[in-house]
């Protein structure tokens, strides 16, 4: 058993998939810069657009560079990633909720 036999069944991508991921990442980054530098959108719309572009770019990186998919060999990686996302969302939403409640309590005085 060689040191590399554990990962022989895993697909590590091809040059075409890496190029497609790179082009998509560059296009999404350029779109984000254009959205900010154009300045023709209201602040809320620009922030929402940046959030959507960031989420799409995260998915592009996960699929094309980290090779995460729904195959049975990736199930534990996807589960761990889902748990991480859920934990981060709980921390962020909880922090915002606490900060909002503190602000409301201080404004009432």
N, C-alpha and C. Protein backbone atom coordinates (compact mmCIF):
# COMPACT_ATOMS: atom_id res chain seq x y z
N UNK A 1 0.85 -1.18 0.00
CA UNK A 1 0.00 0.00 0.00
C UNK A 1 0.90 1.24 0.00
N UNK A 2 0.77 2.03 -1.03
CA UNK A 2 1.59 3.23 -1.13
C UNK A 2 0.97 4.37 -0.34
N UNK A 3 1.74 5.41 -0.18
CA UNK A 3 1.26 6.56 0.59
C UNK A 3 0.15 7.31 -0.13
N UNK A 4 0.06 7.16 -1.44
CA UNK A 4 -0.93 7.89 -2.21
C UNK A 4 -2.15 7.06 -2.57
N UNK A 5 -2.22 5.82 -2.14
CA UNK A 5 -3.33 4.96 -2.53
C UNK A 5 -4.65 5.38 -1.88
N UNK A 6 -4.59 6.13 -0.80
CA UNK A 6 -5.81 6.56 -0.12
C UNK A 6 -6.61 7.51 -1.01
N UNK A 7 -5.93 8.36 -1.76
CA UNK A 7 -6.60 9.39 -2.54
C UNK A 7 -6.68 9.07 -4.02
N UNK A 8 -6.42 7.82 -4.40
CA UNK A 8 -6.43 7.49 -5.82
C UNK A 8 -7.82 7.60 -6.43
N UNK A 9 -8.87 7.30 -5.65
CA UNK A 9 -10.21 7.35 -6.21
C UNK A 9 -10.77 8.77 -6.27
N UNK A 10 -10.15 9.72 -5.61
CA UNK A 10 -10.62 11.10 -5.61
C UNK A 10 -10.23 11.79 -6.91
N UNK A 11 -11.15 12.56 -7.41
CA UNK A 11 -10.86 13.35 -8.61
C UNK A 11 -10.23 14.67 -8.19
N UNK A 12 -9.10 14.98 -8.76
CA UNK A 12 -8.42 16.22 -8.41
C UNK A 12 -8.58 17.28 -9.48
N UNK A 13 -9.50 17.08 -10.37
CA UNK A 13 -9.79 18.09 -11.37
C UNK A 13 -8.87 18.01 -12.57
N UNK A 14 -9.28 18.69 -13.61
CA UNK A 14 -8.50 18.74 -14.83
C UNK A 14 -8.10 20.19 -15.09
N UNK A 15 -7.27 20.36 -16.08
CA UNK A 15 -6.85 21.71 -16.44
C UNK A 15 -8.05 22.55 -16.86
N UNK A 16 -8.98 21.92 -17.58
CA UNK A 16 -10.18 22.65 -18.02
C UNK A 16 -11.05 23.12 -16.87
N UNK A 17 -11.20 22.26 -15.84
CA UNK A 17 -12.03 22.67 -14.70
C UNK A 17 -11.34 23.76 -13.89
N UNK A 18 -10.00 23.67 -13.78
CA UNK A 18 -9.28 24.73 -13.07
C UNK A 18 -9.37 26.05 -13.83
N UNK A 19 -9.27 25.99 -15.15
CA UNK A 19 -9.38 27.22 -15.95
C UNK A 19 -10.78 27.81 -15.87
N UNK A 20 -11.80 26.94 -15.92
CA UNK A 20 -13.18 27.43 -15.79
C UNK A 20 -13.39 28.09 -14.43
N UNK A 21 -12.88 27.48 -13.36
CA UNK A 21 -13.00 28.06 -12.03
C UNK A 21 -12.26 29.37 -11.93
N UNK A 22 -11.06 29.43 -12.53
CA UNK A 22 -10.28 30.67 -12.50
C UNK A 22 -10.99 31.79 -13.24
N UNK A 23 -11.52 31.48 -14.43
CA UNK A 23 -12.22 32.51 -15.21
C UNK A 23 -13.46 32.98 -14.46
N UNK A 24 -14.23 32.07 -13.89
CA UNK A 24 -15.40 32.47 -13.12
C UNK A 24 -15.01 33.33 -11.91
N UNK A 25 -13.94 32.97 -11.23
CA UNK A 25 -13.50 33.75 -10.07
C UNK A 25 -13.07 35.15 -10.49
N UNK A 26 -12.36 35.25 -11.61
CA UNK A 26 -11.93 36.57 -12.09
C UNK A 26 -13.14 37.41 -12.51
N UNK A 27 -14.09 36.80 -13.20
CA UNK A 27 -15.29 37.53 -13.64
C UNK A 27 -16.08 38.02 -12.42
N UNK A 28 -16.24 37.16 -11.42
CA UNK A 28 -16.99 37.57 -10.22
C UNK A 28 -16.26 38.66 -9.45
N UNK A 29 -14.93 38.59 -9.39
CA UNK A 29 -14.15 39.64 -8.72
C UNK A 29 -14.26 40.96 -9.48
N UNK A 30 -14.16 40.89 -10.80
CA UNK A 30 -14.29 42.10 -11.62
C UNK A 30 -15.69 42.70 -11.48
N UNK A 31 -16.71 41.83 -11.42
CA UNK A 31 -18.08 42.33 -11.23
C UNK A 31 -18.23 43.02 -9.88
N UNK A 32 -17.59 42.49 -8.86
CA UNK A 32 -17.65 43.12 -7.53
C UNK A 32 -16.98 44.50 -7.55
N UNK A 33 -15.80 44.57 -8.18
CA UNK A 33 -15.13 45.87 -8.28
C UNK A 33 -15.95 46.85 -9.10
N UNK A 34 -16.54 46.40 -10.20
CA UNK A 34 -17.35 47.29 -11.02
C UNK A 34 -18.55 47.79 -10.24
N UNK A 35 -19.18 46.91 -9.47
CA UNK A 35 -20.35 47.30 -8.68
C UNK A 35 -20.02 48.40 -7.70
N UNK A 36 -18.85 48.32 -7.08
CA UNK A 36 -18.45 49.32 -6.09
C UNK A 36 -17.97 50.60 -6.78
N UNK A 37 -17.16 50.46 -7.82
CA UNK A 37 -16.57 51.64 -8.46
C UNK A 37 -17.56 52.38 -9.35
N UNK A 38 -18.58 51.70 -9.85
CA UNK A 38 -19.58 52.35 -10.70
C UNK A 38 -20.34 53.42 -9.92
N UNK A 39 -20.73 53.09 -8.72
CA UNK A 39 -21.36 54.06 -7.84
C UNK A 39 -22.76 54.49 -8.26
N UNK A 40 -23.37 53.81 -9.20
CA UNK A 40 -24.69 54.20 -9.67
C UNK A 40 -25.84 53.53 -8.95
N UNK A 41 -25.52 52.74 -7.94
CA UNK A 41 -26.55 52.00 -7.23
C UNK A 41 -26.69 52.55 -5.82
N UNK A 42 -27.89 52.46 -5.25
CA UNK A 42 -28.05 52.83 -3.83
C UNK A 42 -27.20 51.90 -2.96
N UNK A 43 -26.86 52.38 -1.80
CA UNK A 43 -25.96 51.64 -0.91
C UNK A 43 -26.50 50.25 -0.59
N UNK A 44 -27.78 50.14 -0.27
CA UNK A 44 -28.36 48.85 0.09
C UNK A 44 -28.32 47.87 -1.07
N UNK A 45 -28.58 48.37 -2.28
CA UNK A 45 -28.54 47.51 -3.46
C UNK A 45 -27.12 47.03 -3.73
N UNK A 46 -26.15 47.92 -3.57
CA UNK A 46 -24.75 47.54 -3.79
C UNK A 46 -24.31 46.50 -2.76
N UNK A 47 -24.70 46.66 -1.51
CA UNK A 47 -24.34 45.69 -0.48
C UNK A 47 -24.98 44.34 -0.75
N UNK A 48 -26.23 44.33 -1.17
CA UNK A 48 -26.90 43.08 -1.50
C UNK A 48 -26.23 42.42 -2.70
N UNK A 49 -25.88 43.21 -3.70
CA UNK A 49 -25.19 42.67 -4.88
C UNK A 49 -23.84 42.08 -4.52
N UNK A 50 -23.09 42.77 -3.65
CA UNK A 50 -21.80 42.24 -3.20
C UNK A 50 -21.96 40.94 -2.42
N UNK A 51 -22.99 40.87 -1.60
CA UNK A 51 -23.22 39.65 -0.82
C UNK A 51 -23.54 38.47 -1.75
N UNK A 52 -24.36 38.72 -2.76
CA UNK A 52 -24.70 37.66 -3.72
C UNK A 52 -23.46 37.23 -4.50
N UNK A 53 -22.69 38.18 -4.99
CA UNK A 53 -21.47 37.85 -5.73
C UNK A 53 -20.48 37.09 -4.86
N UNK A 54 -20.37 37.45 -3.59
CA UNK A 54 -19.47 36.75 -2.67
C UNK A 54 -19.94 35.32 -2.44
N UNK A 55 -21.24 35.12 -2.27
CA UNK A 55 -21.77 33.77 -2.07
C UNK A 55 -21.53 32.90 -3.30
N UNK A 56 -21.73 33.46 -4.48
CA UNK A 56 -21.49 32.71 -5.72
C UNK A 56 -20.01 32.37 -5.84
N UNK A 57 -19.14 33.30 -5.47
CA UNK A 57 -17.71 33.04 -5.57
C UNK A 57 -17.28 31.96 -4.57
N UNK A 58 -17.88 31.92 -3.41
CA UNK A 58 -17.59 30.85 -2.46
C UNK A 58 -17.95 29.50 -3.06
N UNK A 59 -19.11 29.42 -3.69
CA UNK A 59 -19.53 28.16 -4.33
C UNK A 59 -18.57 27.78 -5.45
N UNK A 60 -18.14 28.75 -6.25
CA UNK A 60 -17.18 28.47 -7.33
C UNK A 60 -15.90 27.90 -6.76
N UNK A 61 -15.38 28.48 -5.69
CA UNK A 61 -14.14 27.99 -5.09
C UNK A 61 -14.32 26.59 -4.52
N UNK A 62 -15.45 26.34 -3.88
CA UNK A 62 -15.70 25.02 -3.30
C UNK A 62 -15.80 23.95 -4.37
N UNK A 63 -16.45 24.25 -5.47
CA UNK A 63 -16.68 23.25 -6.51
C UNK A 63 -15.45 23.06 -7.38
N UNK A 64 -14.86 24.14 -7.88
CA UNK A 64 -13.79 24.03 -8.86
C UNK A 64 -12.41 23.82 -8.25
N UNK A 65 -12.15 24.35 -7.06
CA UNK A 65 -10.82 24.25 -6.49
C UNK A 65 -10.73 23.26 -5.33
N UNK A 66 -11.76 23.17 -4.50
CA UNK A 66 -11.76 22.20 -3.41
C UNK A 66 -12.46 20.90 -3.77
N UNK A 67 -13.07 20.85 -4.95
CA UNK A 67 -13.71 19.65 -5.52
C UNK A 67 -14.78 19.07 -4.60
N UNK A 68 -15.54 19.93 -3.95
CA UNK A 68 -16.63 19.46 -3.11
C UNK A 68 -17.84 19.23 -4.00
N UNK A 69 -18.43 18.04 -3.87
CA UNK A 69 -19.63 17.71 -4.63
C UNK A 69 -20.50 16.80 -3.78
N UNK A 70 -21.52 16.25 -4.37
CA UNK A 70 -22.47 15.44 -3.61
C UNK A 70 -22.17 13.95 -3.71
N UNK A 71 -20.99 13.57 -4.17
CA UNK A 71 -20.66 12.15 -4.27
C UNK A 71 -20.47 11.55 -2.88
N UNK A 72 -20.53 10.22 -2.81
CA UNK A 72 -20.43 9.56 -1.51
C UNK A 72 -19.05 9.72 -0.88
N UNK A 73 -18.01 9.93 -1.71
CA UNK A 73 -16.67 10.11 -1.15
C UNK A 73 -16.50 11.48 -0.50
N UNK A 74 -17.34 12.44 -0.86
CA UNK A 74 -17.24 13.79 -0.31
C UNK A 74 -18.26 14.05 0.80
N UNK A 75 -19.03 13.06 1.17
CA UNK A 75 -20.14 13.27 2.11
C UNK A 75 -19.67 13.87 3.44
N UNK A 76 -18.58 13.39 4.01
CA UNK A 76 -18.11 13.92 5.29
C UNK A 76 -17.55 15.33 5.15
N UNK A 77 -16.92 15.62 4.03
CA UNK A 77 -16.45 16.99 3.80
C UNK A 77 -17.60 17.97 3.70
N UNK A 78 -18.64 17.57 2.98
CA UNK A 78 -19.82 18.43 2.84
C UNK A 78 -20.52 18.59 4.19
N UNK A 79 -20.60 17.53 4.96
CA UNK A 79 -21.22 17.60 6.29
C UNK A 79 -20.43 18.52 7.21
N UNK A 80 -19.12 18.39 7.21
CA UNK A 80 -18.28 19.27 8.04
C UNK A 80 -18.41 20.72 7.60
N UNK A 81 -18.44 20.95 6.29
CA UNK A 81 -18.60 22.31 5.80
C UNK A 81 -19.97 22.88 6.19
N UNK A 82 -21.01 22.08 6.07
CA UNK A 82 -22.35 22.53 6.47
C UNK A 82 -22.40 22.88 7.95
N UNK A 83 -21.77 22.06 8.79
CA UNK A 83 -21.73 22.35 10.22
C UNK A 83 -20.98 23.65 10.49
N UNK A 84 -19.88 23.86 9.78
CA UNK A 84 -19.11 25.09 9.94
C UNK A 84 -19.94 26.31 9.55
N UNK A 85 -20.64 26.22 8.42
CA UNK A 85 -21.48 27.33 7.97
C UNK A 85 -22.58 27.60 8.99
N UNK A 86 -23.22 26.56 9.49
CA UNK A 86 -24.28 26.72 10.49
C UNK A 86 -23.75 27.38 11.75
N UNK A 87 -22.58 26.96 12.22
CA UNK A 87 -21.98 27.55 13.42
C UNK A 87 -21.66 29.03 13.22
N UNK A 88 -21.07 29.35 12.07
CA UNK A 88 -20.74 30.75 11.77
C UNK A 88 -22.01 31.59 11.69
N UNK A 89 -23.05 31.07 11.05
CA UNK A 89 -24.31 31.82 10.97
C UNK A 89 -24.92 32.05 12.35
N UNK A 90 -24.87 31.03 13.21
CA UNK A 90 -25.41 31.19 14.57
C UNK A 90 -24.64 32.27 15.32
N UNK A 91 -23.32 32.27 15.19
CA UNK A 91 -22.50 33.27 15.89
C UNK A 91 -22.79 34.67 15.34
N UNK A 92 -22.84 34.82 14.02
CA UNK A 92 -23.06 36.15 13.43
C UNK A 92 -24.46 36.66 13.73
N UNK A 93 -25.48 35.83 13.50
CA UNK A 93 -26.86 36.27 13.74
C UNK A 93 -27.07 36.52 15.24
N UNK A 94 -26.51 35.67 16.09
CA UNK A 94 -26.64 35.89 17.53
C UNK A 94 -25.98 37.18 17.97
N UNK A 95 -24.82 37.48 17.43
CA UNK A 95 -24.13 38.72 17.77
C UNK A 95 -24.94 39.93 17.33
N UNK A 96 -25.45 39.89 16.11
CA UNK A 96 -26.27 41.01 15.62
C UNK A 96 -27.54 41.18 16.44
N UNK A 97 -28.15 40.07 16.84
CA UNK A 97 -29.36 40.12 17.65
C UNK A 97 -29.07 40.75 19.01
N UNK A 98 -27.98 40.33 19.65
CA UNK A 98 -27.62 40.89 20.95
C UNK A 98 -27.29 42.38 20.82
N UNK A 99 -26.53 42.75 19.79
CA UNK A 99 -26.18 44.15 19.60
C UNK A 99 -27.43 45.00 19.35
N UNK A 100 -28.38 44.48 18.59
CA UNK A 100 -29.63 45.21 18.34
C UNK A 100 -30.42 45.40 19.63
N UNK A 101 -30.51 44.34 20.42
CA UNK A 101 -31.25 44.45 21.68
C UNK A 101 -30.58 45.42 22.65
N UNK A 102 -29.26 45.39 22.71
CA UNK A 102 -28.54 46.34 23.58
C UNK A 102 -28.80 47.77 23.11
N UNK A 103 -28.77 48.00 21.81
CA UNK A 103 -29.02 49.33 21.27
C UNK A 103 -30.42 49.80 21.61
N UNK A 104 -31.40 48.92 21.46
CA UNK A 104 -32.79 49.28 21.78
C UNK A 104 -32.96 49.58 23.26
N UNK A 105 -32.29 48.82 24.12
CA UNK A 105 -32.39 49.07 25.56
C UNK A 105 -31.73 50.40 25.93
N UNK A 106 -30.65 50.75 25.28
CA UNK A 106 -29.97 52.02 25.60
C UNK A 106 -30.73 53.21 25.03
N UNK A 107 -31.44 53.05 23.92
CA UNK A 107 -32.18 54.14 23.31
C UNK A 107 -33.42 54.49 24.13
N UNK A 108 -33.92 53.54 24.90
CA UNK A 108 -35.14 53.80 25.66
C UNK A 108 -34.90 54.65 26.90
N UNK A 109 -33.67 54.86 27.26
CA UNK A 109 -33.38 55.63 28.48
C UNK A 109 -33.38 57.09 28.20
